Amino acid sequence: MKQILTFFLLLLSSAKISLVFLLFLFAGINSTFAQFNLSGGVTFTGSGGNPLNVATQDGVPEALTFSPDGTRMYFLGSANDRVYQYNLSTAFDITTATYNNFFGVGAQDAVPRGVAFSNDGTKMFVSGNVNVYQYSLSTAFQVNTATYSGTSYVTAAAAGRGVFFSPTGNRMYFTATGDNSVRQYNLSTPYDISTPNVTYIGLFSFATQDTSPQSTFFSPDGL
Protein backbone atom coordinates (compact mmCIF):
# COMPACT_ATOMS: atom_id res chain seq x y z
CA MET A 1 0.00 0.00 0.00
CA LYS A 2 2.81 2.43 0.75
CA GLN A 3 4.12 2.11 -2.80
CA ILE A 4 0.71 2.99 -4.20
CA LEU A 5 0.56 6.07 -1.99
CA THR A 6 4.00 7.31 -3.00
CA PHE A 7 2.80 10.41 -4.80
CA PHE A 8 0.08 11.95 -2.66
CA LEU A 9 -2.99 11.49 -0.53
CA LEU A 10 -5.77 14.08 -0.70
CA LEU A 11 -8.50 14.43 1.91
CA LEU A 12 -11.55 16.58 1.30
CA SER A 13 -14.17 17.33 3.94
CA SER A 14 -17.76 18.14 3.07
CA ALA A 15 -19.56 20.71 5.22
CA LYS A 16 -22.94 19.83 3.69
CA ILE A 17 -23.56 16.71 5.77
CA SER A 18 -23.56 16.05 9.51
CA LEU A 19 -21.00 13.26 9.30
CA VAL A 20 -17.54 13.96 7.92
CA PHE A 21 -17.19 12.80 4.37
CA LEU A 22 -13.68 12.02 3.19
CA LEU A 23 -12.66 11.52 -0.37
CA PHE A 24 -9.29 9.86 -0.87
CA LEU A 25 -7.53 9.90 -4.20
CA PHE A 26 -4.06 8.74 -5.05
CA ALA A 27 -1.81 8.31 -8.04
CA GLY A 28 -0.37 4.87 -8.56
CA ILE A 29 2.37 3.58 -10.79
CA ASN A 30 -0.18 3.01 -13.58
CA SER A 31 -1.25 6.68 -13.74
CA THR A 32 -4.60 5.96 -12.15
CA PHE A 33 -6.67 7.87 -9.59
CA ALA A 34 -8.92 5.85 -7.30
CA GLN A 35 -11.67 7.08 -5.01
CA PHE A 36 -12.65 5.84 -1.55
CA ASN A 37 -15.58 7.19 0.47
CA LEU A 38 -15.44 7.14 4.26
CA SER A 39 -17.96 8.34 6.84
CA GLY A 40 -17.74 8.71 10.59
CA GLY A 41 -14.02 9.36 10.32
CA VAL A 42 -12.92 5.73 10.56
CA THR A 43 -15.54 3.49 8.92
CA PHE A 44 -14.86 2.32 5.40
CA THR A 45 -18.08 2.65 3.40
CA GLY A 46 -17.03 2.53 -0.23
CA SER A 47 -14.76 0.86 -2.71
CA GLY A 48 -12.26 1.83 -5.33
CA GLY A 49 -15.07 1.73 -7.88
CA ASN A 50 -14.11 2.80 -11.36
CA PRO A 51 -10.58 4.24 -11.28
CA LEU A 52 -9.68 7.11 -13.58
CA ASN A 53 -6.67 6.43 -15.75
CA VAL A 54 -4.89 9.59 -16.92
CA ALA A 55 -2.01 8.01 -18.86
CA THR A 56 -3.36 9.44 -22.13
CA GLN A 57 -2.64 12.92 -20.78
CA ASP A 58 0.48 12.28 -18.67
CA GLY A 59 2.29 9.20 -17.42
CA VAL A 60 3.74 10.86 -14.31
CA PRO A 61 0.94 12.50 -12.27
CA GLU A 62 2.40 14.50 -9.40
CA ALA A 63 -0.39 16.45 -7.67
CA LEU A 64 -4.16 16.67 -7.49
CA THR A 65 -6.66 19.35 -6.52
CA PHE A 66 -10.30 20.34 -7.05
CA SER A 67 -12.32 23.51 -7.47
CA PRO A 68 -14.23 24.35 -4.27
CA ASP A 69 -17.53 23.11 -5.70
CA GLY A 70 -15.97 19.84 -6.86
CA THR A 71 -17.04 20.17 -10.49
CA ARG A 72 -13.49 20.55 -11.78
CA MET A 73 -10.48 18.36 -11.07
CA TYR A 74 -6.87 19.21 -11.85
CA PHE A 75 -3.69 17.19 -11.82
CA LEU A 76 -0.16 18.22 -12.57
CA GLY A 77 1.88 15.90 -14.75
CA SER A 78 5.66 16.11 -14.85
CA ALA A 79 6.14 14.02 -18.00
CA ASN A 80 4.78 16.89 -20.13
CA ASP A 81 4.99 19.69 -17.51
CA ARG A 82 1.31 20.53 -17.71
CA VAL A 83 -1.71 21.16 -15.49
CA TYR A 84 -4.64 19.11 -16.79
CA GLN A 85 -8.30 19.92 -16.19
CA TYR A 86 -11.24 17.51 -15.99
CA ASN A 87 -14.90 18.43 -15.62
CA LEU A 88 -17.05 16.35 -13.25
CA SER A 89 -20.80 16.03 -13.81
CA THR A 90 -21.17 14.95 -10.16
CA ALA A 91 -19.14 16.98 -7.70
CA PHE A 92 -16.06 15.21 -6.30
CA ASP A 93 -16.94 11.97 -8.09
CA ILE A 94 -14.05 11.07 -10.40
CA THR A 95 -16.08 8.37 -12.10
CA THR A 96 -17.99 11.22 -13.81
CA ALA A 97 -14.85 13.02 -15.01
CA THR A 98 -14.24 14.03 -18.61
CA TYR A 99 -11.01 15.54 -19.89
CA ASN A 100 -11.28 19.25 -20.75
CA ASN A 101 -7.93 20.96 -21.45
CA PHE A 102 -4.45 21.74 -20.16
CA PHE A 103 -1.92 24.51 -19.54
CA GLY A 104 1.83 24.08 -19.95
CA VAL A 105 4.18 25.29 -17.20
CA GLY A 106 7.47 23.97 -18.57
CA ALA A 107 8.66 27.45 -19.50
CA GLN A 108 8.79 28.28 -15.79
CA ASP A 109 9.97 24.98 -14.28
CA ALA A 110 11.27 21.77 -15.80
CA VAL A 111 10.29 19.69 -12.76
CA PRO A 112 6.87 20.95 -11.57
CA ARG A 113 5.55 19.12 -8.53
CA GLY A 114 2.45 20.78 -7.09
CA VAL A 115 -0.58 22.86 -8.07
CA ALA A 116 -3.08 25.00 -6.15
CA PHE A 117 -5.72 27.66 -6.89
CA SER A 118 -7.06 30.71 -5.15
CA ASN A 119 -10.58 30.25 -3.79
CA ASP A 120 -12.08 32.34 -6.59
CA GLY A 121 -10.15 30.46 -9.28
CA THR A 122 -8.52 33.55 -10.80
CA LYS A 123 -5.02 32.57 -9.66
CA MET A 124 -3.12 29.33 -10.05
CA PHE A 125 0.13 28.35 -8.33
CA VAL A 126 2.64 25.73 -9.40
CA SER A 127 5.49 24.54 -7.19
CA GLY A 128 8.79 23.23 -8.45
CA ASN A 129 11.99 22.01 -6.88
CA VAL A 130 12.57 25.36 -5.14
CA ASN A 131 10.20 27.99 -6.54
CA VAL A 132 6.46 28.64 -6.45
CA TYR A 133 5.04 30.34 -9.57
CA GLN A 134 1.91 32.47 -9.83
CA TYR A 135 -0.49 32.53 -12.82
CA SER A 136 -3.56 34.61 -13.63
CA LEU A 137 -6.70 33.08 -15.16
CA SER A 138 -8.99 35.29 -17.24
CA THR A 139 -11.81 32.79 -16.70
CA ALA A 140 -11.99 31.37 -13.19
CA PHE A 141 -10.86 27.74 -12.86
CA GLN A 142 -10.34 27.41 -16.63
CA VAL A 143 -6.66 26.48 -16.97
CA ASN A 144 -6.37 27.16 -20.69
CA THR A 145 -6.97 30.86 -19.92
CA ALA A 146 -3.92 31.04 -17.65
CA THR A 147 -0.96 33.33 -18.21
CA TYR A 148 2.23 33.49 -16.17
CA SER A 149 2.13 36.65 -14.07
CA GLY A 150 5.90 36.94 -13.87
CA THR A 151 5.73 36.46 -10.11
CA SER A 152 7.55 33.67 -8.31
CA TYR A 153 8.86 33.03 -4.83
CA VAL A 154 12.09 31.24 -3.95
CA THR A 155 11.44 29.03 -0.92
CA ALA A 156 15.09 28.05 -0.25
CA ALA A 157 13.81 24.51 0.40
CA ALA A 158 15.42 21.47 -1.21
CA ALA A 159 13.51 18.97 -3.34
CA GLY A 160 10.19 20.81 -3.16
CA ARG A 161 6.89 19.07 -3.75
CA GLY A 162 3.35 20.27 -3.01
CA VAL A 163 2.00 23.77 -2.36
CA PHE A 164 -1.13 24.54 -0.35
CA PHE A 165 -2.93 27.74 0.73
CA SER A 166 -5.21 28.48 3.67
CA PRO A 167 -8.81 29.28 2.60
CA THR A 168 -8.20 33.01 3.14
CA GLY A 169 -5.04 32.95 1.06
CA ASN A 170 -2.91 34.58 3.74
CA ARG A 171 -0.86 31.46 4.47
CA MET A 172 1.12 29.31 2.07
CA TYR A 173 2.58 25.87 2.86
CA PHE A 174 5.40 24.27 0.90
CA THR A 175 6.31 20.60 1.32
CA ALA A 176 9.89 19.48 0.70
CA THR A 177 11.49 16.04 0.70
CA GLY A 178 14.98 17.50 1.08
CA ASP A 179 14.46 17.81 4.82
CA ASN A 180 11.08 16.04 5.06
CA SER A 181 9.22 19.13 6.17
CA VAL A 182 6.42 21.56 5.46
CA ARG A 183 7.24 25.28 5.58
CA GLN A 184 4.77 28.03 6.41
CA TYR A 185 4.81 31.49 4.82
CA ASN A 186 2.46 34.33 5.73
CA LEU A 187 1.23 36.58 2.92
CA SER A 188 0.41 40.22 3.67
CA THR A 189 -1.80 40.28 0.56
CA PRO A 190 -3.88 37.10 0.06
CA TYR A 191 -2.70 34.88 -2.78
CA ASP A 192 0.11 37.27 -3.71
CA ILE A 193 3.50 35.54 -3.54
CA SER A 194 5.62 38.48 -4.67
CA THR A 195 8.63 38.60 -2.35
CA PRO A 196 7.73 41.78 -0.38
CA ASN A 197 4.42 40.17 0.63
CA VAL A 198 5.90 36.89 1.91
CA THR A 199 7.23 36.23 5.41
CA TYR A 200 8.77 32.89 6.34
CA ILE A 201 7.35 31.65 9.66
CA GLY A 202 8.92 28.26 10.27
CA LEU A 203 8.72 24.55 9.47
CA PHE A 204 7.41 21.27 10.80
CA SER A 205 9.36 18.08 10.24
CA PHE A 206 7.73 14.81 9.17
CA ALA A 207 11.02 12.92 9.48
CA THR A 208 9.84 10.59 12.24
CA GLN A 209 6.71 9.70 10.23
CA ASP A 210 7.92 9.70 6.62
CA THR A 211 11.14 10.32 4.75
CA SER A 212 9.53 11.35 1.47
CA PRO A 213 6.51 13.63 2.07
CA GLN A 214 4.86 14.74 -1.15
CA SER A 215 2.17 17.21 -0.10
CA THR A 216 0.38 18.72 2.90
CA PHE A 217 -3.33 19.42 3.38
CA PHE A 218 -5.36 20.97 6.19
CA SER A 219 -8.93 20.57 7.37
CA PRO A 220 -11.16 23.55 6.41
CA ASP A 221 -10.88 25.08 9.89
CA GLY A 222 -7.13 24.48 10.06
CA LEU A 223 -7.36 22.50 13.28
C-alpha atoms as a PDB file:
ATOM      1  CA  MET A   1       0.000   0.000   0.000  1.00  0.00           C
ATOM      2  CA  LYS A   2       2.808   2.426   0.746  1.00  0.00           C
ATOM      3  CA  GLN A   3       4.116   2.112  -2.798  1.00  0.00           C
ATOM      4  CA  ILE A   4       0.708   2.992  -4.199  1.00  0.00           C
ATOM      5  CA  LEU A   5       0.559   6.075  -1.989  1.00  0.00           C
ATOM      6  CA  THR A   6       4.003   7.309  -2.997  1.00  0.00           C
ATOM      7  CA  PHE A   7       2.796  10.414  -4.799  1.00  0.00           C
ATOM      8  CA  PHE A   8       0.079  11.954  -2.664  1.00  0.00           C
ATOM      9  CA  LEU A   9      -2.992  11.492  -0.531  1.00  0.00           C
ATOM     10  CA  LEU A  10      -5.771  14.080  -0.698  1.00  0.00           C
ATOM     11  CA  LEU A  11      -8.504  14.435   1.913  1.00  0.00           C
ATOM     12  CA  LEU A  12     -11.548  16.577   1.300  1.00  0.00           C
ATOM     13  CA  SER A  13     -14.165  17.328   3.943  1.00  0.00           C
ATOM     14  CA  SER A  14     -17.764  18.138   3.066  1.00  0.00           C
ATOM     15  CA  ALA A  15     -19.558  20.714   5.215  1.00  0.00           C
ATOM     16  CA  LYS A  16     -22.939  19.832   3.695  1.00  0.00           C
ATOM     17  CA  ILE A  17     -23.561  16.706   5.768  1.00  0.00           C
ATOM     18  CA  SER A  18     -23.565  16.049   9.511  1.00  0.00           C
ATOM     19  CA  LEU A  19     -21.000  13.258   9.298  1.00  0.00           C
ATOM     20  CA  VAL A  20     -17.541  13.963   7.925  1.00  0.00           C
ATOM     21  CA  PHE A  21     -17.193  12.797   4.366  1.00  0.00           C
ATOM     22  CA  LEU A  22     -13.682  12.015   3.190  1.00  0.00           C
ATOM     23  CA  LEU A  23     -12.656  11.519  -0.373  1.00  0.00           C
ATOM     24  CA  PHE A  24      -9.286   9.860  -0.875  1.00  0.00           C
ATOM     25  CA  LEU A  25      -7.533   9.904  -4.196  1.00  0.00           C
ATOM     26  CA  PHE A  26      -4.065   8.743  -5.051  1.00  0.00           C
ATOM     27  CA  ALA A  27      -1.812   8.309  -8.043  1.00  0.00           C
ATOM     28  CA  GLY A  28      -0.368   4.866  -8.560  1.00  0.00           C
ATOM     29  CA  ILE A  29       2.366   3.582 -10.795  1.00  0.00           C
ATOM     30  CA  ASN A  30      -0.180   3.007 -13.577  1.00  0.00           C
ATOM     31  CA  SER A  31      -1.245   6.676 -13.741  1.00  0.00           C
ATOM     32  CA  THR A  32      -4.602   5.962 -12.145  1.00  0.00           C
ATOM     33  CA  PHE A  33      -6.670   7.865  -9.595  1.00  0.00           C
ATOM     34  CA  ALA A  34      -8.923   5.849  -7.299  1.00  0.00           C
ATOM     35  CA  GLN A  35     -11.673   7.078  -5.011  1.00  0.00           C
ATOM     36  CA  PHE A  36     -12.650   5.845  -1.547  1.00  0.00           C
ATOM     37  CA  ASN A  37     -15.579   7.190   0.467  1.00  0.00           C
ATOM     38  CA  LEU A  38     -15.443   7.138   4.259  1.00  0.00           C
ATOM     39  CA  SER A  39     -17.963   8.341   6.840  1.00  0.00           C
ATOM     40  CA  GLY A  40     -17.737   8.705  10.588  1.00  0.00           C
ATOM     41  CA  GLY A  41     -14.023   9.362  10.319  1.00  0.00           C
ATOM     42  CA  VAL A  42     -12.918   5.725  10.559  1.00  0.00           C
ATOM     43  CA  THR A  43     -15.536   3.488   8.923  1.00  0.00           C
ATOM     44  CA  PHE A  44     -14.861   2.322   5.399  1.00  0.00           C
ATOM     45  CA  THR A  45     -18.079   2.649   3.403  1.00  0.00           C
ATOM     46  CA  GLY A  46     -17.028   2.530  -0.233  1.00  0.00           C
ATOM     47  CA  SER A  47     -14.757   0.856  -2.706  1.00  0.00           C
ATOM     48  CA  GLY A  48     -12.264   1.827  -5.333  1.00  0.00           C
ATOM     49  CA  GLY A  49     -15.071   1.733  -7.881  1.00  0.00           C
ATOM     50  CA  ASN A  50     -14.111   2.801 -11.361  1.00  0.00           C
ATOM     51  CA  PRO A  51     -10.582   4.235 -11.284  1.00  0.00           C
ATOM     52  CA  LEU A  52      -9.684   7.108 -13.579  1.00  0.00           C
ATOM     53  CA  ASN A  53      -6.672   6.429 -15.751  1.00  0.00           C
ATOM     54  CA  VAL A  54      -4.892   9.587 -16.925  1.00  0.00           C
ATOM     55  CA  ALA A  55      -2.010   8.012 -18.855  1.00  0.00           C
ATOM     56  CA  THR A  56      -3.358   9.437 -22.126  1.00  0.00           C
ATOM     57  CA  GLN A  57      -2.645  12.917 -20.777  1.00  0.00           C
ATOM     58  CA  ASP A  58       0.478  12.277 -18.670  1.00  0.00           C
ATOM     59  CA  GLY A  59       2.292   9.201 -17.421  1.00  0.00           C
ATOM     60  CA  VAL A  60       3.736  10.862 -14.314  1.00  0.00           C
ATOM     61  CA  PRO A  61       0.938  12.500 -12.270  1.00  0.00           C
ATOM     62  CA  GLU A  62       2.399  14.495  -9.396  1.00  0.00           C
ATOM     63  CA  ALA A  63      -0.388  16.448  -7.671  1.00  0.00           C
ATOM     64  CA  LEU A  64      -4.156  16.670  -7.486  1.00  0.00           C
ATOM     65  CA  THR A  65      -6.665  19.351  -6.519  1.00  0.00           C
ATOM     66  CA  PHE A  66     -10.299  20.336  -7.050  1.00  0.00           C
ATOM     67  CA  SER A  67     -12.320  23.505  -7.474  1.00  0.00           C
ATOM     68  CA  PRO A  68     -14.229  24.354  -4.268  1.00  0.00           C
ATOM     69  CA  ASP A  69     -17.530  23.111  -5.699  1.00  0.00           C
ATOM     70  CA  GLY A  70     -15.973  19.839  -6.861  1.00  0.00           C
ATOM     71  CA  THR A  71     -17.043  20.168 -10.495  1.00  0.00           C
ATOM     72  CA  ARG A  72     -13.485  20.547 -11.785  1.00  0.00           C
ATOM     73  CA  MET A  73     -10.479  18.358 -11.066  1.00  0.00           C
ATOM     74  CA  TYR A  74      -6.870  19.208 -11.847  1.00  0.00           C
ATOM     75  CA  PHE A  75      -3.694  17.192 -11.818  1.00  0.00           C
ATOM     76  CA  LEU A  76      -0.156  18.225 -12.568  1.00  0.00           C
ATOM     77  CA  GLY A  77       1.881  15.897 -14.751  1.00  0.00           C
ATOM     78  CA  SER A  78       5.660  16.109 -14.851  1.00  0.00           C
ATOM     79  CA  ALA A  79       6.136  14.024 -17.998  1.00  0.00           C
ATOM     80  CA  ASN A  80       4.782  16.886 -20.126  1.00  0.00           C
ATOM     81  CA  ASP A  81       4.995  19.690 -17.508  1.00  0.00           C
ATOM     82  CA  ARG A  82       1.311  20.527 -17.714  1.00  0.00           C
ATOM     83  CA  VAL A  83      -1.714  21.158 -15.494  1.00  0.00           C
ATOM     84  CA  TYR A  84      -4.643  19.106 -16.787  1.00  0.00           C
ATOM     85  CA  GLN A  85      -8.301  19.920 -16.193  1.00  0.00           C
ATOM     86  CA  TYR A  86     -11.238  17.508 -15.987  1.00  0.00           C
ATOM     87  CA  ASN A  87     -14.902  18.432 -15.618  1.00  0.00           C
ATOM     88  CA  LEU A  88     -17.046  16.352 -13.251  1.00  0.00           C
ATOM     89  CA  SER A  89     -20.801  16.035 -13.808  1.00  0.00           C
ATOM     90  CA  THR A  90     -21.167  14.945 -10.161  1.00  0.00           C
ATOM     91  CA  ALA A  91     -19.141  16.976  -7.699  1.00  0.00           C
ATOM     92  CA  PHE A  92     -16.060  15.206  -6.302  1.00  0.00           C
ATOM     93  CA  ASP A  93     -16.936  11.970  -8.089  1.00  0.00           C
ATOM     94  CA  ILE A  94     -14.047  11.073 -10.395  1.00  0.00           C
ATOM     95  CA  THR A  95     -16.081   8.368 -12.101  1.00  0.00           C
ATOM     96  CA  THR A  96     -17.986  11.221 -13.811  1.00  0.00           C
ATOM     97  CA  ALA A  97     -14.845  13.019 -15.011  1.00  0.00           C
ATOM     98  CA  THR A  98     -14.240  14.035 -18.614  1.00  0.00           C
ATOM     99  CA  TYR A  99     -11.009  15.542 -19.889  1.00  0.00           C
ATOM    100  CA  ASN A 100     -11.280  19.247 -20.747  1.00  0.00           C
ATOM    101  CA  ASN A 101      -7.934  20.963 -21.453  1.00  0.00           C
ATOM    102  CA  PHE A 102      -4.445  21.736 -20.163  1.00  0.00           C
ATOM    103  CA  PHE A 103      -1.924  24.509 -19.544  1.00  0.00           C
ATOM    104  CA  GLY A 104       1.828  24.084 -19.949  1.00  0.00           C
ATOM    105  CA  VAL A 105       4.178  25.285 -17.196  1.00  0.00           C
ATOM    106  CA  GLY A 106       7.467  23.965 -18.571  1.00  0.00           C
ATOM    107  CA  ALA A 107       8.659  27.452 -19.504  1.00  0.00           C
ATOM    108  CA  GLN A 108       8.794  28.281 -15.789  1.00  0.00           C
ATOM    109  CA  ASP A 109       9.966  24.979 -14.275  1.00  0.00           C
ATOM    110  CA  ALA A 110      11.271  21.766 -15.802  1.00  0.00           C
ATOM    111  CA  VAL A 111      10.292  19.691 -12.757  1.00  0.00           C
ATOM    112  CA  PRO A 112       6.870  20.955 -11.571  1.00  0.00           C
ATOM    113  CA  ARG A 113       5.545  19.122  -8.534  1.00  0.00           C
ATOM    114  CA  GLY A 114       2.447  20.781  -7.085  1.00  0.00           C
ATOM    115  CA  VAL A 115      -0.578  22.862  -8.073  1.00  0.00           C
ATOM    116  CA  ALA A 116      -3.076  25.002  -6.153  1.00  0.00           C
ATOM    117  CA  PHE A 117      -5.717  27.659  -6.893  1.00  0.00           C
ATOM    118  CA  SER A 118      -7.060  30.714  -5.155  1.00  0.00           C
ATOM    119  CA  ASN A 119     -10.582  30.250  -3.789  1.00  0.00           C
ATOM    120  CA  ASP A 120     -12.083  32.338  -6.590  1.00  0.00           C
ATOM    121  CA  GLY A 121     -10.152  30.464  -9.284  1.00  0.00           C
ATOM    122  CA  THR A 122      -8.518  33.549 -10.797  1.00  0.00           C
ATOM    123  CA  LYS A 123      -5.019  32.573  -9.658  1.00  0.00           C
ATOM    124  CA  MET A 124      -3.118  29.325 -10.048  1.00  0.00           C
ATOM    125  CA  PHE A 125       0.126  28.352  -8.333  1.00  0.00           C
ATOM    126  CA  VAL A 126       2.636  25.730  -9.399  1.00  0.00           C
ATOM    127  CA  SER A 127       5.487  24.542  -7.192  1.00  0.00           C
ATOM    128  CA  GLY A 128       8.786  23.228  -8.454  1.00  0.00           C
ATOM    129  CA  ASN A 129      11.993  22.010  -6.875  1.00  0.00           C
ATOM    130  CA  VAL A 130      12.574  25.361  -5.141  1.00  0.00           C
ATOM    131  CA  ASN A 131      10.201  27.991  -6.539  1.00  0.00           C
ATOM    132  CA  VAL A 132       6.460  28.641  -6.454  1.00  0.00           C
ATOM    133  CA  TYR A 133       5.045  30.341  -9.569  1.00  0.00           C
ATOM    134  CA  GLN A 134       1.905  32.467  -9.829  1.00  0.00           C
ATOM    135  CA  TYR A 135      -0.488  32.530 -12.818  1.00  0.00           C
ATOM    136  CA  SER A 136      -3.565  34.607 -13.633  1.00  0.00           C
ATOM    137  CA  LEU A 137      -6.702  33.078 -15.164  1.00  0.00           C
ATOM    138  CA  SER A 138      -8.986  35.291 -17.242  1.00  0.00           C
ATOM    139  CA  THR A 139     -11.806  32.788 -16.699  1.00  0.00           C
ATOM    140  CA  ALA A 140     -11.988  31.371 -13.188  1.00  0.00           C
ATOM    141  CA  PHE A 141     -10.865  27.743 -12.860  1.00  0.00           C
ATOM    142  CA  GLN A 142     -10.338  27.412 -16.626  1.00  0.00           C
ATOM    143  CA  VAL A 143      -6.661  26.481 -16.970  1.00  0.00           C
ATOM    144  CA  ASN A 144      -6.372  27.156 -20.686  1.00  0.00           C
ATOM    145  CA  THR A 145      -6.973  30.857 -19.924  1.00  0.00           C
ATOM    146  CA  ALA A 146      -3.918  31.036 -17.646  1.00  0.00           C
ATOM    147  CA  THR A 147      -0.956  33.330 -18.214  1.00  0.00           C
ATOM    148  CA  TYR A 148       2.230  33.494 -16.167  1.00  0.00           C
ATOM    149  CA  SER A 149       2.130  36.655 -14.065  1.00  0.00           C
ATOM    150  CA  GLY A 150       5.904  36.936 -13.872  1.00  0.00           C
ATOM    151  CA  THR A 151       5.726  36.455 -10.108  1.00  0.00           C
ATOM    152  CA  SER A 152       7.548  33.667  -8.306  1.00  0.00           C
ATOM    153  CA  TYR A 153       8.863  33.035  -4.828  1.00  0.00           C
ATOM    154  CA  VAL A 154      12.095  31.236  -3.953  1.00  0.00           C
ATOM    155  CA  THR A 155      11.435  29.028  -0.920  1.00  0.00           C
ATOM    156  CA  ALA A 156      15.087  28.052  -0.253  1.00  0.00           C
ATOM    157  CA  ALA A 157      13.813  24.508   0.403  1.00  0.00           C
ATOM    158  CA  ALA A 158      15.423  21.472  -1.214  1.00  0.00           C
ATOM    159  CA  ALA A 159      13.506  18.968  -3.342  1.00  0.00           C
ATOM    160  CA  GLY A 160      10.194  20.813  -3.164  1.00  0.00           C
ATOM    161  CA  ARG A 161       6.892  19.067  -3.753  1.00  0.00           C
ATOM    162  CA  GLY A 162       3.348  20.268  -3.012  1.00  0.00           C
ATOM    163  CA  VAL A 163       2.000  23.765  -2.365  1.00  0.00           C
ATOM    164  CA  PHE A 164      -1.127  24.537  -0.347  1.00  0.00           C
ATOM    165  CA  PHE A 165      -2.929  27.742   0.734  1.00  0.00           C
ATOM    166  CA  SER A 166      -5.211  28.478   3.665  1.00  0.00           C
ATOM    167  CA  PRO A 167      -8.811  29.280   2.602  1.00  0.00           C
ATOM    168  CA  THR A 168      -8.204  33.009   3.143  1.00  0.00           C
ATOM    169  CA  GLY A 169      -5.041  32.952   1.057  1.00  0.00           C
ATOM    170  CA  ASN A 170      -2.910  34.576   3.737  1.00  0.00           C
ATOM    171  CA  ARG A 171      -0.858  31.462   4.472  1.00  0.00           C
ATOM    172  CA  MET A 172       1.124  29.310   2.065  1.00  0.00           C
ATOM    173  CA  TYR A 173       2.583  25.872   2.862  1.00  0.00           C
ATOM    174  CA  PHE A 174       5.396  24.266   0.896  1.00  0.00           C
ATOM    175  CA  THR A 175       6.308  20.598   1.325  1.00  0.00           C
ATOM    176  CA  ALA A 176       9.888  19.484   0.701  1.00  0.00           C
ATOM    177  CA  THR A 177      11.488  16.043   0.699  1.00  0.00           C
ATOM    178  CA  GLY A 178      14.983  17.497   1.078  1.00  0.00           C
ATOM    179  CA  ASP A 179      14.461  17.809   4.823  1.00  0.00           C
ATOM    180  CA  ASN A 180      11.076  16.035   5.060  1.00  0.00           C
ATOM    181  CA  SER A 181       9.222  19.126   6.165  1.00  0.00           C
ATOM    182  CA  VAL A 182       6.423  21.556   5.465  1.00  0.00           C
ATOM    183  CA  ARG A 183       7.245  25.277   5.578  1.00  0.00           C
ATOM    184  CA  GLN A 184       4.767  28.034   6.413  1.00  0.00           C
ATOM    185  CA  TYR A 185       4.808  31.487   4.822  1.00  0.00           C
ATOM    186  CA  ASN A 186       2.464  34.334   5.728  1.00  0.00           C
ATOM    187  CA  LEU A 187       1.226  36.585   2.919  1.00  0.00           C
ATOM    188  CA  SER A 188       0.408  40.222   3.670  1.00  0.00           C
ATOM    189  CA  THR A 189      -1.801  40.278   0.558  1.00  0.00           C
ATOM    190  CA  PRO A 190      -3.883  37.105   0.064  1.00  0.00           C
ATOM    191  CA  TYR A 191      -2.705  34.882  -2.784  1.00  0.00           C
ATOM    192  CA  ASP A 192       0.111  37.275  -3.710  1.00  0.00           C
ATOM    193  CA  ILE A 193       3.502  35.541  -3.537  1.00  0.00           C
ATOM    194  CA  SER A 194       5.619  38.483  -4.671  1.00  0.00           C
ATOM    195  CA  THR A 195       8.634  38.595  -2.351  1.00  0.00           C
ATOM    196  CA  PRO A 196       7.726  41.777  -0.375  1.00  0.00           C
ATOM    197  CA  ASN A 197       4.419  40.168   0.634  1.00  0.00           C
ATOM    198  CA  VAL A 198       5.902  36.892   1.914  1.00  0.00           C
ATOM    199  CA  THR A 199       7.232  36.232   5.405  1.00  0.00           C
ATOM    200  CA  TYR A 200       8.774  32.892   6.343  1.00  0.00           C
ATOM    201  CA  ILE A 201       7.345  31.645   9.658  1.00  0.00           C
ATOM    202  CA  GLY A 202       8.917  28.261  10.269  1.00  0.00           C
ATOM    203  CA  LEU A 203       8.720  24.553   9.467  1.00  0.00           C
ATOM    204  CA  PHE A 204       7.410  21.274  10.801  1.00  0.00           C
ATOM    205  CA  SER A 205       9.365  18.076  10.236  1.00  0.00           C
ATOM    206  CA  PHE A 206       7.730  14.807   9.167  1.00  0.00           C
ATOM    207  CA  ALA A 207      11.023  12.924   9.476  1.00  0.00           C
ATOM    208  CA  THR A 208       9.842  10.594  12.237  1.00  0.00           C
ATOM    209  CA  GLN A 209       6.707   9.696  10.232  1.00  0.00           C
ATOM    210  CA  ASP A 210       7.916   9.700   6.621  1.00  0.00           C
ATOM    211  CA  THR A 211      11.142  10.320   4.752  1.00  0.00           C
ATOM    212  CA  SER A 212       9.535  11.347   1.471  1.00  0.00           C
ATOM    213  CA  PRO A 213       6.509  13.633   2.070  1.00  0.00           C
ATOM    214  CA  GLN A 214       4.860  14.744  -1.152  1.00  0.00           C
ATOM    215  CA  SER A 215       2.169  17.206  -0.097  1.00  0.00           C
ATOM    216  CA  THR A 216       0.381  18.722   2.896  1.00  0.00           C
ATOM    217  CA  PHE A 217      -3.326  19.424   3.377  1.00  0.00           C
ATOM    218  CA  PHE A 218      -5.357  20.970   6.194  1.00  0.00           C
ATOM    219  CA  SER A 219      -8.932  20.572   7.370  1.00  0.00           C
ATOM    220  CA  PRO A 220     -11.161  23.551   6.405  1.00  0.00           C
ATOM    221  CA  ASP A 221     -10.879  25.077   9.894  1.00  0.00           C
ATOM    222  CA  GLY A 222      -7.125  24.482  10.062  1.00  0.00           C
ATOM    223  CA  LEU A 223      -7.364  22.501  13.278  1.00  0.00           C
END
